Protein backbone atom coordinates (compact mmCIF):
# COMPACT_ATOMS: atom_id res chain seq x y z
CA UNK A 1 24.46 -28.08 -20.28
CA UNK A 2 21.31 -28.88 -22.09
CA UNK A 3 20.74 -31.92 -20.15
CA UNK A 4 21.14 -29.81 -16.92
CA UNK A 5 18.62 -27.47 -17.97
CA UNK A 6 16.14 -30.24 -18.77
CA UNK A 7 16.94 -31.99 -15.53
CA UNK A 8 16.06 -28.75 -13.53
CA UNK A 9 13.07 -28.00 -15.71
CA UNK A 10 11.64 -31.38 -15.05
CA UNK A 11 12.14 -31.65 -11.21
CA UNK A 12 13.21 -28.22 -9.53
CA UNK A 13 10.78 -26.01 -11.57
CA UNK A 14 7.41 -27.73 -10.47
CA UNK A 15 8.77 -28.06 -6.96
CA UNK A 16 9.62 -24.25 -6.82
CA UNK A 17 6.02 -23.49 -8.66
CA UNK A 18 4.06 -25.66 -5.57
CA UNK A 19 6.34 -23.78 -3.06
CA UNK A 20 5.29 -20.25 -4.48
CA UNK A 21 1.80 -21.19 -4.37
CA UNK A 22 1.41 -22.67 -0.70
CA UNK A 23 -1.01 -20.22 1.06
CA UNK A 24 0.70 -19.70 4.06
CA UNK A 25 4.48 -19.18 2.64
CA UNK A 26 2.69 -16.54 0.41
CA UNK A 27 1.32 -14.84 3.38
CA UNK A 28 4.43 -14.83 5.56
CA UNK A 29 6.40 -13.39 2.29
CA UNK A 30 3.46 -10.57 2.26
CA UNK A 31 3.70 -10.02 5.73
CA UNK A 32 7.36 -9.36 5.91
CA UNK A 33 7.26 -7.18 3.07
CA UNK A 34 4.32 -5.05 4.57
CA UNK A 35 6.50 -4.64 7.79
CA UNK A 36 9.27 -3.03 5.74
CA UNK A 37 8.63 0.66 6.78
CA UNK A 38 9.04 -0.40 10.32
CA UNK A 39 12.14 -2.15 9.37
CA UNK A 40 13.65 0.97 7.40
CA UNK A 41 12.45 3.23 10.09
CA UNK A 42 14.32 1.35 12.54
CA UNK A 43 17.55 1.13 10.79
CA UNK A 44 17.36 4.80 10.03
CA UNK A 45 17.10 5.42 13.59
CA UNK A 46 20.48 3.07 14.10
CA UNK A 47 22.33 4.81 11.06
CA UNK A 48 21.43 8.50 12.58
CA UNK A 49 22.56 7.69 16.05
CA UNK A 50 25.76 5.78 14.72
CA UNK A 51 26.61 8.89 12.38
CA UNK A 52 26.39 11.29 15.49
CA UNK A 53 28.45 8.87 17.51
CA UNK A 54 31.10 8.28 14.93
CA UNK A 55 31.43 12.13 14.37
CA UNK A 56 32.08 12.78 17.92
CA UNK A 57 34.61 10.03 18.40
CA UNK A 58 36.57 9.89 15.20
CA UNK A 59 36.18 13.54 14.09
CA UNK A 60 35.99 15.36 17.51
CA UNK A 61 32.91 17.34 16.63
CA UNK A 62 31.63 17.49 20.15
CA UNK A 63 29.82 20.64 19.62
CA UNK A 64 28.18 18.90 16.45
CA UNK A 65 27.33 15.66 18.60
CA UNK A 66 25.74 18.38 21.51
CA UNK A 67 23.49 20.07 19.02
CA UNK A 68 22.46 16.63 17.48
CA UNK A 69 21.33 15.17 20.92
CA UNK A 70 17.68 15.85 20.51
CA UNK A 71 18.07 14.02 17.10
CA UNK A 72 19.49 11.00 19.16
CA UNK A 73 16.72 11.15 21.49
CA UNK A 74 14.15 10.95 18.92
CA UNK A 75 15.95 8.07 17.39
CA UNK A 76 15.68 6.24 20.36
CA UNK A 77 11.86 6.98 20.66
CA UNK A 78 11.63 5.94 17.17
CA UNK A 79 13.44 2.54 17.94
CA UNK A 80 10.88 1.86 20.71
CA UNK A 81 8.26 2.26 18.24
CA UNK A 82 9.72 0.09 15.51
CA UNK A 83 12.35 -2.51 16.05
CA UNK A 84 11.48 -3.09 19.74
CA UNK A 85 8.01 -4.20 18.71
CA UNK A 86 8.86 -6.16 15.40
CA UNK A 87 7.39 -9.24 16.37
CA UNK A 88 4.18 -7.27 17.09
CA UNK A 89 3.74 -5.82 13.69
CA UNK A 90 4.60 -8.99 12.17
CA UNK A 91 2.05 -10.94 14.13
CA UNK A 92 -0.53 -8.32 12.71
CA UNK A 93 0.51 -8.55 9.20
CA UNK A 94 0.52 -12.02 9.32
CA UNK A 95 -2.77 -12.56 10.71
CA UNK A 96 -4.20 -9.75 8.21
CA UNK A 97 -2.45 -11.46 5.17
CA UNK A 98 -3.55 -14.95 5.99
CA UNK A 99 -6.72 -14.20 6.67
CA UNK A 100 -7.32 -12.33 3.15
CA UNK A 101 -6.00 -15.40 1.47
CA UNK A 102 -8.79 -17.67 3.40
CA UNK A 103 -11.21 -14.95 2.16
CA UNK A 104 -12.35 -13.99 5.70
CA UNK A 105 -12.32 -11.01 7.55
CA UNK A 106 -8.67 -9.67 7.25
CA UNK A 107 -8.87 -7.32 10.58
CA UNK A 108 -10.23 -9.78 12.71
CA UNK A 109 -7.42 -12.45 11.65
CA UNK A 110 -4.90 -9.69 12.18
CA UNK A 111 -6.21 -9.07 16.11
CA UNK A 112 -6.70 -13.08 16.47
CA UNK A 113 -2.79 -13.59 15.42
CA UNK A 114 -1.78 -10.68 17.90
CA UNK A 115 -3.87 -12.40 20.65
CA UNK A 116 -2.11 -15.60 19.90
CA UNK A 117 1.24 -13.99 19.97
CA UNK A 118 0.74 -12.20 23.30
CA UNK A 119 -0.80 -15.66 25.00
CA UNK A 120 2.31 -17.56 23.86
CA UNK A 121 5.45 -15.46 25.19
CA UNK A 122 6.51 -15.26 29.22
CA UNK A 123 4.63 -12.57 31.21
CA UNK A 124 7.36 -13.03 33.91
CA UNK A 125 10.01 -10.49 33.75
CA UNK A 126 13.50 -10.68 35.59
CA UNK A 127 14.85 -7.24 37.20
CA UNK A 128 18.25 -7.14 38.47
CA UNK A 129 18.63 -4.68 41.60
CA UNK A 130 21.72 -4.33 43.58
CA UNK A 131 22.98 -7.54 42.27
CA UNK A 132 19.66 -9.58 42.94
CA UNK A 133 17.48 -10.76 40.50
CA UNK A 134 13.87 -9.96 41.14
CA UNK A 135 10.95 -11.83 39.19
CA UNK A 136 8.08 -9.76 38.33
CA UNK A 137 4.84 -11.53 37.63
CA UNK A 138 2.20 -10.27 34.95
CA UNK A 139 4.79 -8.43 33.08
CA UNK A 140 5.89 -8.44 29.49
CA UNK A 141 9.49 -7.96 28.89
CA UNK A 142 9.37 -5.78 25.48
CA UNK A 143 12.52 -7.86 24.18
CA UNK A 144 10.20 -10.78 23.86
CA UNK A 145 8.25 -8.49 21.12
CA UNK A 146 11.16 -7.70 19.16
CA UNK A 147 13.09 -10.05 16.98
CA UNK A 148 13.31 -12.93 19.85
CA UNK A 149 9.52 -13.48 18.95
CA UNK A 150 9.29 -13.67 15.46
CA UNK A 151 8.88 -17.77 15.06
CA UNK A 152 6.46 -17.30 17.87
CA UNK A 153 4.48 -15.02 15.81
CA UNK A 154 4.84 -16.92 12.84
CA UNK A 155 3.57 -20.25 14.60
CA UNK A 156 0.86 -19.07 16.91
CA UNK A 157 -0.42 -16.74 14.20
CA UNK A 158 -0.72 -19.27 11.64
CA UNK A 159 -2.65 -21.59 14.20
CA UNK A 160 -4.90 -19.24 15.69
CA UNK A 161 -5.68 -17.57 12.22
CA UNK A 162 -6.29 -21.23 10.72
CA UNK A 163 -8.77 -22.07 13.63
CA UNK A 164 -10.55 -18.89 13.13
CA UNK A 165 -10.82 -19.49 9.25
CA UNK A 166 -12.14 -22.80 9.59
CA UNK A 167 -14.78 -21.80 11.97
CA UNK A 168 -15.74 -18.96 9.79
CA UNK A 169 -15.68 -21.17 6.90
CA UNK A 170 -18.07 -23.59 8.45
CA UNK A 171 -20.44 -20.98 9.40
CA UNK A 172 -20.12 -21.30 13.10
CA UNK A 173 -21.23 -17.61 14.01
CA UNK A 174 -24.05 -15.40 15.16
CA UNK A 175 -25.46 -13.95 12.17
CA UNK A 176 -28.23 -11.17 12.95
CA UNK A 177 -30.88 -10.57 10.39
CA UNK A 178 -30.89 -7.02 11.36
CA UNK A 179 -29.96 -4.04 9.01
CA UNK A 180 -26.50 -3.63 10.94
CA UNK A 181 -23.85 -0.99 9.60
CA UNK A 182 -21.20 -3.53 7.68
CA UNK A 183 -18.60 -2.93 10.29
CA UNK A 184 -21.04 -4.27 13.00
CA UNK A 185 -22.15 -7.31 11.24
CA UNK A 186 -18.62 -8.39 10.03
CA UNK A 187 -17.88 -8.12 13.87
CA UNK A 188 -20.85 -10.19 14.75
CA UNK A 189 -19.66 -12.49 12.30
CA UNK A 190 -16.26 -12.95 13.42
CA UNK A 191 -17.01 -13.10 16.91
CA UNK A 192 -17.58 -16.84 17.91
CA UNK A 193 -14.72 -17.99 15.26
CA UNK A 194 -12.41 -15.44 17.09
CA UNK A 195 -13.25 -16.81 20.50
CA UNK A 196 -12.95 -20.37 19.68
CA UNK A 197 -9.51 -19.51 17.80
CA UNK A 198 -8.38 -17.84 20.94
CA UNK A 199 -9.44 -20.03 23.41
CA UNK A 200 -8.03 -23.03 21.28
CA UNK A 201 -4.60 -21.05 20.96
CA UNK A 202 -4.76 -20.54 25.03
CA UNK A 203 -5.53 -24.39 25.50
CA UNK A 204 -2.51 -25.20 23.61
CA UNK A 205 -0.19 -22.93 25.61
CA UNK A 206 -1.94 -23.96 29.08
CA UNK A 207 -1.41 -27.36 28.40
CA UNK A 208 2.33 -26.95 27.29
CA UNK A 209 3.14 -24.74 30.38
CA UNK A 210 1.62 -27.37 32.82
CA UNK A 211 3.61 -30.31 31.20
CA UNK A 212 6.74 -28.57 30.58
CA UNK A 213 6.72 -25.77 33.41
CA UNK A 214 7.92 -23.15 30.75
CA UNK A 215 6.06 -20.78 28.36
CA UNK A 216 6.06 -21.90 24.69
CA UNK A 217 7.83 -18.94 23.36
CA UNK A 218 10.94 -19.35 25.36
CA UNK A 219 10.94 -22.98 24.45
CA UNK A 220 10.55 -22.10 20.88
CA UNK A 221 13.34 -19.63 20.73
CA UNK A 222 16.01 -21.62 22.38
CA UNK A 223 15.36 -24.97 20.71
CA UNK A 224 14.08 -23.66 17.07
CA UNK A 225 14.71 -20.03 16.45
CA UNK A 226 18.18 -19.76 17.58
CA UNK A 227 19.49 -22.74 16.21
CA UNK A 228 18.13 -22.18 12.72
CA UNK A 229 19.74 -18.65 12.88
CA UNK A 230 22.82 -19.98 13.86
CA UNK A 231 22.57 -22.72 11.23
CA UNK A 232 22.12 -19.65 8.81
CA UNK A 233 25.54 -18.42 9.57
CA UNK A 234 27.45 -21.65 7.91
CA UNK A 235 28.90 -21.10 4.72
CA UNK A 236 26.83 -24.13 3.20
CA UNK A 237 23.55 -22.71 3.99
CA UNK A 238 24.30 -19.28 2.80
CA UNK A 239 25.61 -20.86 -0.61
CA UNK A 240 22.70 -23.27 -0.99
CA UNK A 241 19.87 -20.37 -0.36
CA UNK A 242 21.90 -18.17 -2.87
CA UNK A 243 21.90 -21.12 -5.70
CA UNK A 244 18.28 -21.84 -5.22
CA UNK A 245 17.26 -18.11 -5.84
CA UNK A 246 19.47 -18.18 -9.09
CA UNK A 247 18.00 -21.37 -10.15
CA UNK A 248 14.68 -20.20 -9.50
CA UNK A 249 14.71 -17.00 -11.34
CA UNK A 250 16.59 -18.72 -14.34
CA UNK A 251 13.03 -20.34 -14.86
CA UNK A 252 11.26 -17.40 -14.78
CA UNK A 253 10.05 -17.92 -10.71
CA UNK A 254 10.91 -14.90 -8.70
CA UNK A 255 13.51 -16.70 -6.37
CA UNK A 256 13.30 -14.02 -3.65
CA UNK A 257 9.70 -14.62 -3.46
CA UNK A 258 9.78 -18.31 -3.33
CA UNK A 259 12.62 -18.52 -0.74
CA UNK A 260 11.46 -15.19 1.25
CA UNK A 261 9.89 -17.20 4.21
CA UNK A 262 13.45 -18.78 4.72
CA UNK A 263 15.34 -15.54 3.80
CA UNK A 264 13.23 -13.59 6.33
CA UNK A 265 12.79 -15.64 8.84
CA UNK A 266 16.37 -16.56 9.42
CA UNK A 267 18.78 -13.94 8.02
CA UNK A 268 16.05 -11.15 8.71
CA UNK A 269 16.09 -12.55 12.29
CA UNK A 270 20.02 -12.22 12.21
CA UNK A 271 19.99 -8.83 10.80
CA UNK A 272 17.61 -7.41 13.33
CA UNK A 273 19.96 -8.89 16.25
CA UNK A 274 23.09 -7.15 14.83
CA UNK A 275 20.82 -4.07 14.70
CA UNK A 276 19.82 -4.33 18.01
CA UNK A 277 23.43 -5.14 19.40
CA UNK A 278 24.75 -1.73 17.47
CA UNK A 279 21.87 0.18 18.80
CA UNK A 280 23.15 -0.97 22.36
CA UNK A 281 26.63 -0.05 21.78
CA UNK A 282 27.65 -3.47 21.43
CA UNK A 283 29.55 -5.25 17.99
CA UNK A 284 27.25 -7.14 15.63
CA UNK A 285 27.35 -10.72 16.76
CA UNK A 286 26.29 -12.54 13.52
CA UNK A 287 28.24 -12.73 10.30
CA UNK A 288 25.67 -13.12 7.56
CA UNK A 289 22.06 -11.03 7.66
CA UNK A 290 19.40 -10.71 5.21
CA UNK A 291 20.73 -7.69 3.34
CA UNK A 292 24.20 -9.13 2.78
CA UNK A 293 22.89 -10.99 -0.28
CA UNK A 294 21.62 -7.80 -1.51
CA UNK A 295 24.51 -5.37 -1.10
CA UNK A 296 27.43 -7.70 -1.88
CA UNK A 297 26.05 -10.07 -4.42
CA UNK A 298 22.58 -9.07 -5.73
CA UNK A 299 23.60 -5.68 -7.38
CA UNK A 300 21.04 -4.84 -10.01
CA UNK A 301 18.99 -7.64 -8.90
CA UNK A 302 19.09 -11.36 -8.36
CA UNK A 303 22.21 -12.59 -10.50
CA UNK A 304 24.27 -9.57 -10.42
CA UNK A 305 22.72 -8.61 -13.56
CA UNK A 306 23.79 -4.94 -13.62
CA UNK A 307 27.16 -6.27 -14.39
CA UNK A 308 25.60 -8.03 -17.57
CA UNK A 309 24.32 -4.65 -18.67
CA UNK A 310 27.65 -2.86 -18.13
CA UNK A 311 29.16 -6.04 -20.14
CA UNK A 312 26.81 -5.54 -22.87
CA UNK A 313 27.15 -1.72 -23.24
CA UNK A 314 31.25 -2.27 -23.27
CA UNK A 315 31.60 -5.25 -25.24
CA UNK A 316 28.46 -6.15 -27.48
CA UNK A 317 28.41 -5.07 -30.89
CA UNK A 318 24.87 -5.89 -31.47
CA UNK A 319 22.48 -3.08 -31.71
CA UNK A 320 19.52 -5.05 -30.27
CA UNK A 321 21.17 -6.12 -27.23
CA UNK A 322 22.73 -2.71 -26.46
CA UNK A 323 19.19 -1.13 -27.17
CA UNK A 324 17.95 -3.50 -24.15
CA UNK A 325 21.06 -2.82 -22.07
CA UNK A 326 20.40 0.99 -22.53
CA UNK A 327 16.81 0.51 -21.26
CA UNK A 328 17.35 -1.69 -18.63
CA UNK A 329 20.71 0.53 -17.08
CA UNK A 330 18.66 3.20 -15.15
CA UNK A 331 16.41 0.20 -13.51
CA UNK A 332 19.30 -1.98 -13.16
CA UNK A 333 20.93 1.03 -10.64
CA UNK A 334 18.14 0.81 -8.57
CA UNK A 335 18.04 -3.16 -8.39
CA UNK A 336 15.15 -3.76 -10.70
CA UNK A 337 16.41 -6.33 -13.06
CA UNK A 338 12.96 -7.41 -14.89
CA UNK A 339 13.80 -5.43 -18.20
CA UNK A 340 17.10 -7.15 -18.84
CA UNK A 341 16.08 -10.64 -17.08
CA UNK A 342 13.09 -10.66 -19.15
CA UNK A 343 13.88 -8.77 -22.10
CA UNK A 344 17.11 -10.11 -23.31
CA UNK A 345 16.03 -12.65 -22.03
CA UNK A 346 18.38 -14.17 -19.26
CA UNK A 347 15.39 -16.43 -18.51
CA UNK A 348 15.60 -20.16 -19.85
CA UNK A 349 18.71 -18.76 -22.12
CA UNK A 350 21.39 -21.39 -22.02
CA UNK A 351 24.18 -18.86 -22.80
CA UNK A 352 23.51 -16.93 -19.47
CA UNK A 353 22.77 -19.82 -17.39
CA UNK A 354 26.66 -20.32 -16.11
CA UNK A 355 27.06 -16.62 -15.38
CA UNK A 356 23.66 -16.19 -13.83
CA UNK A 357 24.37 -18.81 -11.42
CA UNK A 358 27.97 -18.62 -10.89
CA UNK A 359 28.56 -14.53 -10.36
CA UNK A 360 26.47 -14.49 -7.39
CA UNK A 361 27.98 -17.67 -5.69
CA UNK A 362 31.39 -16.33 -6.08
CA UNK A 363 30.43 -12.72 -4.79
CA UNK A 364 28.67 -14.40 -2.02
CA UNK A 365 31.48 -16.74 -1.20
CA UNK A 366 34.30 -13.97 -1.24
CA UNK A 367 32.06 -11.48 0.81
CA UNK A 368 31.39 -14.00 3.28
CA UNK A 369 35.27 -14.77 3.96
CA UNK A 370 36.08 -11.39 3.76
CA UNK A 371 33.28 -10.33 6.60
CA UNK A 372 34.61 -13.44 8.51
CA UNK A 373 38.16 -12.46 8.28
CA UNK A 374 36.97 -8.86 10.06
CA UNK A 375 37.99 -7.20 6.72
CA UNK A 376 34.89 -5.47 6.73
CA UNK A 377 31.54 -4.95 9.30
CA UNK A 378 28.87 -7.45 8.76
CA UNK A 379 25.53 -5.90 7.86
CA UNK A 380 24.16 -4.06 10.66
CA UNK A 381 21.62 -1.97 9.34
CA UNK A 382 18.37 -2.52 6.52
CA UNK A 383 18.63 -0.54 3.81
CA UNK A 384 15.84 -0.13 1.04
CA UNK A 385 16.17 -2.77 -1.83
CA UNK A 386 16.17 0.00 -4.28
CA UNK A 387 19.51 1.47 -2.83
CA UNK A 388 22.08 1.83 -5.61
CA UNK A 389 25.13 -0.47 -5.30
CA UNK A 390 28.65 1.09 -3.56
CA UNK A 391 25.83 3.38 -1.50
CA UNK A 392 24.08 0.55 -0.21
CA UNK A 393 26.85 -1.42 1.20
CA UNK A 394 28.45 1.53 2.94
CA UNK A 395 25.30 2.42 4.85
CA UNK A 396 24.01 -1.32 5.52
CA UNK A 397 27.62 -1.67 7.07
CA UNK A 398 27.20 1.50 9.48
CA UNK A 399 29.32 3.57 7.44
CA UNK A 400 32.47 1.13 7.08
CA UNK A 401 34.25 2.49 4.03
CA UNK A 402 35.70 -1.29 3.61
CA UNK A 403 32.21 -2.07 2.42
CA UNK A 404 32.74 0.21 -0.65
CA UNK A 405 35.87 -1.41 -1.62
CA UNK A 406 34.35 -4.92 -1.21
CA UNK A 407 31.44 -3.82 -3.30
CA UNK A 408 33.55 -2.42 -6.46
CA UNK A 409 35.84 -5.80 -5.98
CA UNK A 410 32.58 -7.90 -6.29
CA UNK A 411 31.11 -5.91 -9.07
CA UNK A 412 34.71 -6.29 -11.07
CA UNK A 413 34.31 -10.06 -10.45
CA UNK A 414 30.92 -10.53 -11.81
CA UNK A 415 31.74 -8.13 -14.84
CA UNK A 416 34.75 -10.56 -15.44
CA UNK A 417 32.33 -13.80 -15.26
CA UNK A 418 29.68 -12.07 -17.50
CA UNK A 419 32.05 -10.68 -20.27
CA UNK A 420 33.21 -13.88 -21.89
CA UNK A 421 29.32 -15.09 -22.17
CA UNK A 422 28.30 -11.71 -23.66
CA UNK A 423 31.02 -12.32 -26.64
CA UNK A 424 29.77 -15.92 -27.13
CA UNK A 425 26.03 -14.61 -27.09
CA UNK A 426 27.03 -12.32 -29.87
CA UNK A 427 28.48 -14.90 -31.91
CA UNK A 428 26.00 -17.29 -31.10
CA UNK A 429 23.31 -14.61 -32.36
CA UNK A 430 25.28 -14.16 -35.61
CA UNK A 431 25.61 -17.31 -36.47
CA UNK A 432 21.88 -18.11 -36.21
CA UNK A 433 20.87 -14.79 -37.87
CA UNK A 434 19.23 -15.66 -41.22
CA UNK A 435 21.93 -15.26 -44.05
CA UNK A 436 20.60 -12.34 -46.57
CA UNK A 437 19.45 -14.01 -50.02
CA UNK A 438 21.04 -12.24 -53.16
CA UNK A 439 19.61 -12.89 -56.65
CA UNK A 440 22.44 -13.63 -59.37
CA UNK A 441 22.58 -10.69 -61.90
CA UNK A 442 23.45 -11.61 -65.33
């Protein structure tokens, strides 16, 4: 065990630290976090519509469904303003955070990123009328601004903002020596760098379209984005990412933050595809989504540490461990695990290394195969990260009661894995405690 921990500390920890400091990855992580209100609002629109439809179909509440029809229409409007434009919001957020990391004008960076996305997707739409396909030039298909445009937004948003930042840092700008208001002066400073960046991205797209005869966004979608999303549905890929998140966390590095660019770009895309399909009345096509990790394995936070807290409260005889567990219980119910991970601690604690790694892996593996067998719905709605266990899976799986059963089974499995190591930690702590010194009485 000590050799394994030392090897991970020597080779894995430095790599994780470097990944966590990459400017582009940090900006991408912050961008996905920033658009969370859009994600949650769009998911709520799907959940509301599904709840009303289920009440009408399964319970026969036709009058209720008719009364709630305005709410269904409002949910459709909310959908068009949130998930239907997800890539648009992501491009803005990524441009803002990337420009901020370069210490240049953030608003200009957001605008350049959005312009770069718009230039990189097809302005040609197909329309089917009476079994005939009509091509409409100079018209954007709104689907290109949804999840299908995520990789395009990431790639060209990064290219555009990087060019803009380099020109700005090189002082290639028009700087007026007059007493202009701050906003106007910043706009003039950003004018030339932004123009160079936009024309640079435009030139890249023009050359690509001239050589290949297709838009870069369409090519990127079919040759890179979809293969990666489908690769993310593989059991090995899911288990590998779970393992890496746990290893990073064990060494005190937020594994979710380090792996956020991969988790969000691959599995959040899959989740959005499922949400879109359900919203259109179709079955969720993809097995594993971003929230699948959270609702089926990371209850209480990464490592399933809520069950560690419960195991300590049930079985530990040490008052110091029980006190920490009592303090960490309320945050743990809402999937905040820093009090127990850093306070017990779990981080760099060899006693808890095996259950911290093993419990999520077993939960993910079990949930993956249960979902594959069709015994529970795939995740098809985004729920907030602070949603308590049992309730979170129920909502994420679109009101599937079987998700509650699966969640309870997973929690019991994690509890069974954590419990022996709680006893071991008690025994080890008692062994290492200083013995009292008695003076001999005569």
